[in-house]
Amino acid sequence: MRWINENLTTIIVLGVVVVGLYFWLMRKRYADSFNAERNRIEAEKRARREAGGQTRKGS
């Protein structure tokens, strides 16, 4: 019975480590894509503001 408990504990610990690594990697990947998307949106807003300012000045 002790053998089963030790192996079960090892399996649970390894499972927790694997799940933790998976979530850490997914969080990092999601954060990178989120930052890229936010930067793209900010660049579009900036371009619209600059284009809008030029047309208003010209009118």
PDB file of N, CA and C in Angstrom:
ATOM      1  N   MET A   1       0.823  -1.201   0.000  1.00  0.00           N
ATOM      2  CA  MET A   1       0.000   0.000   0.000  1.00  0.00           C
ATOM      3  C   MET A   1       0.864   1.261   0.000  1.00  0.00           C
ATOM      4  N   ARG A   2       1.993   1.209   0.673  1.00  0.00           N
ATOM      5  CA  ARG A   2       2.872   2.377   0.728  1.00  0.00           C
ATOM      6  C   ARG A   2       3.392   2.723  -0.667  1.00  0.00           C
ATOM      7  N   TRP A   3       3.684   1.698  -1.475  1.00  0.00           N
ATOM      8  CA  TRP A   3       4.176   1.888  -2.846  1.00  0.00           C
ATOM      9  C   TRP A   3       3.167   2.689  -3.673  1.00  0.00           C
ATOM     10  N   ILE A   4       1.885   2.344  -3.519  1.00  0.00           N
ATOM     11  CA  ILE A   4       0.829   3.039  -4.265  1.00  0.00           C
ATOM     12  C   ILE A   4       0.757   4.501  -3.824  1.00  0.00           C
ATOM     13  N   ASN A   5       0.835   4.750  -2.534  1.00  0.00           N
ATOM     14  CA  ASN A   5       0.757   6.123  -2.029  1.00  0.00           C
ATOM     15  C   ASN A   5       1.920   6.964  -2.527  1.00  0.00           C
ATOM     16  N   GLU A   6       3.136   6.390  -2.528  1.00  0.00           N
ATOM     17  CA  GLU A   6       4.300   7.143  -3.002  1.00  0.00           C
ATOM     18  C   GLU A   6       4.180   7.458  -4.488  1.00  0.00           C
ATOM     19  N   ASN A   7       3.754   6.468  -5.265  1.00  0.00           N
ATOM     20  CA  ASN A   7       3.607   6.705  -6.703  1.00  0.00           C
ATOM     21  C   ASN A   7       2.479   7.687  -6.986  1.00  0.00           C
ATOM     22  N   LEU A   8       1.402   7.589  -6.258  1.00  0.00           N
ATOM     23  CA  LEU A   8       0.286   8.509  -6.444  1.00  0.00           C
ATOM     24  C   LEU A   8       0.715   9.934  -6.116  1.00  0.00           C
ATOM     25  N   THR A   9       1.477  10.093  -5.046  1.00  0.00           N
ATOM     26  CA  THR A   9       1.984  11.421  -4.681  1.00  0.00           C
ATOM     27  C   THR A   9       2.894  11.961  -5.772  1.00  0.00           C
ATOM     28  N   THR A  10       3.777  11.103  -6.299  1.00  0.00           N
ATOM     29  CA  THR A  10       4.689  11.520  -7.369  1.00  0.00           C
ATOM     30  C   THR A  10       3.904  11.941  -8.605  1.00  0.00           C
ATOM     31  N   ILE A  11       2.894  11.158  -8.968  1.00  0.00           N
ATOM     32  CA  ILE A  11       2.082  11.478 -10.148  1.00  0.00           C
ATOM     33  C   ILE A  11       1.353  12.802  -9.946  1.00  0.00           C
ATOM     34  N   ILE A  12       0.810  13.019  -8.764  1.00  0.00           N
ATOM     35  CA  ILE A  12       0.084  14.267  -8.486  1.00  0.00           C
ATOM     36  C   ILE A  12       1.031  15.456  -8.547  1.00  0.00           C
ATOM     37  N   VAL A  13       2.215  15.325  -7.942  1.00  0.00           N
ATOM     38  CA  VAL A  13       3.184  16.427  -7.953  1.00  0.00           C
ATOM     39  C   VAL A  13       3.610  16.734  -9.384  1.00  0.00           C
ATOM     40  N   LEU A  14       3.921  15.702 -10.165  1.00  0.00           N
ATOM     41  CA  LEU A  14       4.314  15.927 -11.566  1.00  0.00           C
ATOM     42  C   LEU A  14       3.170  16.562 -12.356  1.00  0.00           C
ATOM     43  N   GLY A  15       1.949  16.130 -12.096  1.00  0.00           N
ATOM     44  CA  GLY A  15       0.793  16.710 -12.780  1.00  0.00           C
ATOM     45  C   GLY A  15       0.622  18.184 -12.455  1.00  0.00           C
ATOM     46  N   VAL A  16       0.801  18.534 -11.189  1.00  0.00           N
ATOM     47  CA  VAL A  16       0.685  19.938 -10.783  1.00  0.00           C
ATOM     48  C   VAL A  16       1.776  20.769 -11.450  1.00  0.00           C
ATOM     49  N   VAL A  17       3.003  20.230 -11.518  1.00  0.00           N
ATOM     50  CA  VAL A  17       4.104  20.955 -12.161  1.00  0.00           C
ATOM     51  C   VAL A  17       3.812  21.155 -13.640  1.00  0.00           C
ATOM     52  N   VAL A  18       3.332  20.117 -14.313  1.00  0.00           N
ATOM     53  CA  VAL A  18       3.032  20.217 -15.747  1.00  0.00           C
ATOM     54  C   VAL A  18       1.920  21.231 -15.993  1.00  0.00           C
ATOM     55  N   VAL A  19       0.864  21.185 -15.202  1.00  0.00           N
ATOM     56  CA  VAL A  19      -0.246  22.132 -15.367  1.00  0.00           C
ATOM     57  C   VAL A  19       0.229  23.558 -15.090  1.00  0.00           C
ATOM     58  N   GLY A  20       1.070  23.725 -14.069  1.00  0.00           N
ATOM     59  CA  GLY A  20       1.610  25.054 -13.767  1.00  0.00           C
ATOM     60  C   GLY A  20       2.443  25.599 -14.908  1.00  0.00           C
ATOM     61  N   LEU A  21       3.316  24.760 -15.476  1.00  0.00           N
ATOM     62  CA  LEU A  21       4.125  25.194 -16.622  1.00  0.00           C
ATOM     63  C   LEU A  21       3.246  25.548 -17.814  1.00  0.00           C
ATOM     64  N   TYR A  22       2.205  24.743 -18.056  1.00  0.00           N
ATOM     65  CA  TYR A  22       1.300  25.006 -19.174  1.00  0.00           C
ATOM     66  C   TYR A  22       0.631  26.373 -19.009  1.00  0.00           C
ATOM     67  N   PHE A  23       0.094  26.647 -17.822  1.00  0.00           N
ATOM     68  CA  PHE A  23      -0.573  27.935 -17.606  1.00  0.00           C
ATOM     69  C   PHE A  23       0.408  29.095 -17.681  1.00  0.00           C
ATOM     70  N   TRP A  24       1.631  28.897 -17.198  1.00  0.00           N
ATOM     71  CA  TRP A  24       2.645  29.955 -17.264  1.00  0.00           C
ATOM     72  C   TRP A  24       2.975  30.276 -18.714  1.00  0.00           C
ATOM     73  N   LEU A  25       3.156  29.230 -19.537  1.00  0.00           N
ATOM     74  CA  LEU A  25       3.474  29.456 -20.952  1.00  0.00           C
ATOM     75  C   LEU A  25       2.304  30.105 -21.684  1.00  0.00           C
ATOM     76  N   MET A  26       1.079  29.650 -21.419  1.00  0.00           N
ATOM     77  CA  MET A  26      -0.086  30.220 -22.096  1.00  0.00           C
ATOM     78  C   MET A  26      -0.278  31.678 -21.677  1.00  0.00           C
ATOM     79  N   ARG A  27      -0.048  31.981 -20.398  1.00  0.00           N
ATOM     80  CA  ARG A  27      -0.182  33.364 -19.936  1.00  0.00           C
ATOM     81  C   ARG A  27       0.834  34.256 -20.628  1.00  0.00           C
ATOM     82  N   LYS A  28       2.055  33.765 -20.771  1.00  0.00           N
ATOM     83  CA  LYS A  28       3.103  34.544 -21.428  1.00  0.00           C
ATOM     84  C   LYS A  28       2.749  34.767 -22.895  1.00  0.00           C
ATOM     85  N   ARG A  29       2.293  33.721 -23.571  1.00  0.00           N
ATOM     86  CA  ARG A  29       1.929  33.851 -24.985  1.00  0.00           C
ATOM     87  C   ARG A  29       0.757  34.816 -25.144  1.00  0.00           C
ATOM     88  N   TYR A  30      -0.246  34.698 -24.267  1.00  0.00           N
ATOM     89  CA  TYR A  30      -1.407  35.580 -24.338  1.00  0.00           C
ATOM     90  C   TYR A  30      -1.000  37.024 -24.067  1.00  0.00           C
ATOM     91  N   ALA A  31      -0.106  37.223 -23.098  1.00  0.00           N
ATOM     92  CA  ALA A  31       0.342  38.584 -22.776  1.00  0.00           C
ATOM     93  C   ALA A  31       1.083  39.194 -23.957  1.00  0.00           C
ATOM     94  N   ASP A  32       1.921  38.411 -24.637  1.00  0.00           N
ATOM     95  CA  ASP A  32       2.653  38.926 -25.797  1.00  0.00           C
ATOM     96  C   ASP A  32       1.692  39.324 -26.913  1.00  0.00           C
ATOM     97  N   SER A  33       0.704  38.473 -27.207  1.00  0.00           N
ATOM     98  CA  SER A  33      -0.236  38.801 -28.276  1.00  0.00           C
ATOM     99  C   SER A  33      -1.125  39.975 -27.869  1.00  0.00           C
ATOM    100  N   PHE A  34      -1.479  40.048 -26.585  1.00  0.00           N
ATOM    101  CA  PHE A  34      -2.295  41.159 -26.095  1.00  0.00           C
ATOM    102  C   PHE A  34      -1.541  42.476 -26.250  1.00  0.00           C
ATOM    103  N   ASN A  35      -0.244  42.485 -25.889  1.00  0.00           N
ATOM    104  CA  ASN A  35       0.557  43.703 -26.015  1.00  0.00           C
ATOM    105  C   ASN A  35       0.708  44.111 -27.472  1.00  0.00           C
ATOM    106  N   ALA A  36       0.901  43.149 -28.365  1.00  0.00           N
ATOM    107  CA  ALA A  36       1.031  43.459 -29.785  1.00  0.00           C
ATOM    108  C   ALA A  36      -0.268  44.080 -30.316  1.00  0.00           C
ATOM    109  N   GLU A  37      -1.398  43.521 -29.922  1.00  0.00           N
ATOM    110  CA  GLU A  37      -2.694  44.044 -30.364  1.00  0.00           C
ATOM    111  C   GLU A  37      -2.923  45.447 -29.805  1.00  0.00           C
ATOM    112  N   ARG A  38      -2.588  45.662 -28.533  1.00  0.00           N
ATOM    113  CA  ARG A  38      -2.758  46.982 -27.926  1.00  0.00           C
ATOM    114  C   ARG A  38      -1.883  48.020 -28.632  1.00  0.00           C
ATOM    115  N   ASN A  39      -0.645  47.644 -28.951  1.00  0.00           N
ATOM    116  CA  ASN A  39       0.243  48.565 -29.662  1.00  0.00           C
ATOM    117  C   ASN A  39      -0.296  48.896 -31.047  1.00  0.00           C
ATOM    118  N   ARG A  40      -0.880  47.894 -31.723  1.00  0.00           N
ATOM    119  CA  ARG A  40      -1.442  48.133 -33.058  1.00  0.00           C
ATOM    120  C   ARG A  40      -2.621  49.105 -32.968  1.00  0.00           C
ATOM    121  N   ILE A  41      -3.482  48.915 -31.980  1.00  0.00           N
ATOM    122  CA  ILE A  41      -4.646  49.796 -31.816  1.00  0.00           C
ATOM    123  C   ILE A  41      -4.192  51.217 -31.490  1.00  0.00           C
ATOM    124  N   GLU A  42      -3.195  51.344 -30.604  1.00  0.00           N
ATOM    125  CA  GLU A  42      -2.678  52.679 -30.264  1.00  0.00           C
ATOM    126  C   GLU A  42      -2.085  53.364 -31.494  1.00  0.00           C
ATOM    127  N   ALA A  43      -1.375  52.615 -32.332  1.00  0.00           N
ATOM    128  CA  ALA A  43      -0.784  53.193 -33.541  1.00  0.00           C
ATOM    129  C   ALA A  43      -1.883  53.658 -34.498  1.00  0.00           C
ATOM    130  N   GLU A  44      -2.960  52.870 -34.609  1.00  0.00           N
ATOM    131  CA  GLU A  44      -4.075  53.284 -35.472  1.00  0.00           C
ATOM    132  C   GLU A  44      -4.732  54.552 -34.934  1.00  0.00           C
ATOM    133  N   LYS A  45      -4.939  54.628 -33.629  1.00  0.00           N
ATOM    134  CA  LYS A  45      -5.538  55.832 -33.036  1.00  0.00           C
ATOM    135  C   LYS A  45      -4.657  57.050 -33.288  1.00  0.00           C
ATOM    136  N   ARG A  46      -3.341  56.870 -33.099  1.00  0.00           N
ATOM    137  CA  ARG A  46      -2.400  57.967 -33.306  1.00  0.00           C
ATOM    138  C   ARG A  46      -2.443  58.433 -34.761  1.00  0.00           C
ATOM    139  N   ALA A  47      -2.483  57.481 -35.693  1.00  0.00           N
ATOM    140  CA  ALA A  47      -2.515  57.832 -37.116  1.00  0.00           C
ATOM    141  C   ALA A  47      -3.810  58.577 -37.448  1.00  0.00           C
ATOM    142  N   ARG A  48      -4.934  58.110 -36.877  1.00  0.00           N
ATOM    143  CA  ARG A  48      -6.208  58.792 -37.122  1.00  0.00           C
ATOM    144  C   ARG A  48      -6.191  60.201 -36.555  1.00  0.00           C
ATOM    145  N   ARG A  49      -5.632  60.347 -35.345  1.00  0.00           N
ATOM    146  CA  ARG A  49      -5.552  61.675 -34.728  1.00  0.00           C
ATOM    147  C   ARG A  49      -4.709  62.617 -35.579  1.00  0.00           C
ATOM    148  N   GLU A  50      -3.557  62.114 -36.037  1.00  0.00           N
ATOM    149  CA  GLU A  50      -2.675  62.961 -36.848  1.00  0.00           C
ATOM    150  C   GLU A  50      -3.334  63.313 -38.179  1.00  0.00           C
ATOM    151  N   ALA A  51      -3.995  62.340 -38.801  1.00  0.00           N
ATOM    152  CA  ALA A  51      -4.670  62.602 -40.074  1.00  0.00           C
ATOM    153  C   ALA A  51      -5.837  63.563 -39.855  1.00  0.00           C
ATOM    154  N   GLY A  52      -6.576  63.386 -38.772  1.00  0.00           N
ATOM    155  CA  GLY A  52      -7.696  64.274 -38.466  1.00  0.00           C
ATOM    156  C   GLY A  52      -7.225  65.681 -38.179  1.00  0.00           C
ATOM    157  N   GLY A  53      -6.128  65.827 -37.498  1.00  0.00           N
ATOM    158  CA  GLY A  53      -5.583  67.147 -37.190  1.00  0.00           C
ATOM    159  C   GLY A  53      -5.121  67.870 -38.435  1.00  0.00           C
ATOM    160  N   GLN A  54      -4.576  67.154 -39.395  1.00  0.00           N
ATOM    161  CA  GLN A  54      -4.094  67.778 -40.628  1.00  0.00           C
ATOM    162  C   GLN A  54      -5.263  68.270 -41.475  1.00  0.00           C
ATOM    163  N   THR A  55      -6.342  67.487 -41.545  1.00  0.00           N
ATOM    164  CA  THR A  55      -7.474  67.924 -42.364  1.00  0.00           C
ATOM    165  C   THR A  55      -8.168  69.122 -41.727  1.00  0.00           C
ATOM    166  N   ARG A  56      -8.245  69.161 -40.397  1.00  0.00           N
ATOM    167  CA  ARG A  56      -8.881  70.302 -39.744  1.00  0.00           C
ATOM    168  C   ARG A  56      -8.055  71.568 -39.925  1.00  0.00           C
ATOM    169  N   LYS A  57      -6.742  71.442 -39.846  1.00  0.00           N
ATOM    170  CA  LYS A  57      -5.892  72.621 -40.012  1.00  0.00           C
ATOM    171  C   LYS A  57      -6.008  73.166 -41.432  1.00  0.00           C
ATOM    172  N   GLY A  58      -6.156  72.262 -42.392  1.00  0.00           N
ATOM    173  CA  GLY A  58      -6.224  72.692 -43.788  1.00  0.00           C
ATOM    174  C   GLY A  58      -7.546  73.349 -44.133  1.00  0.00           C
ATOM    175  N   SER A  59      -8.606  73.063 -43.393  1.00  0.00           N
ATOM    176  CA  SER A  59      -9.936  73.602 -43.735  1.00  0.00           C
ATOM    177  C   SER A  59     -10.065  75.054 -43.390  1.00  0.00           C
TER     178      SER A  59
END
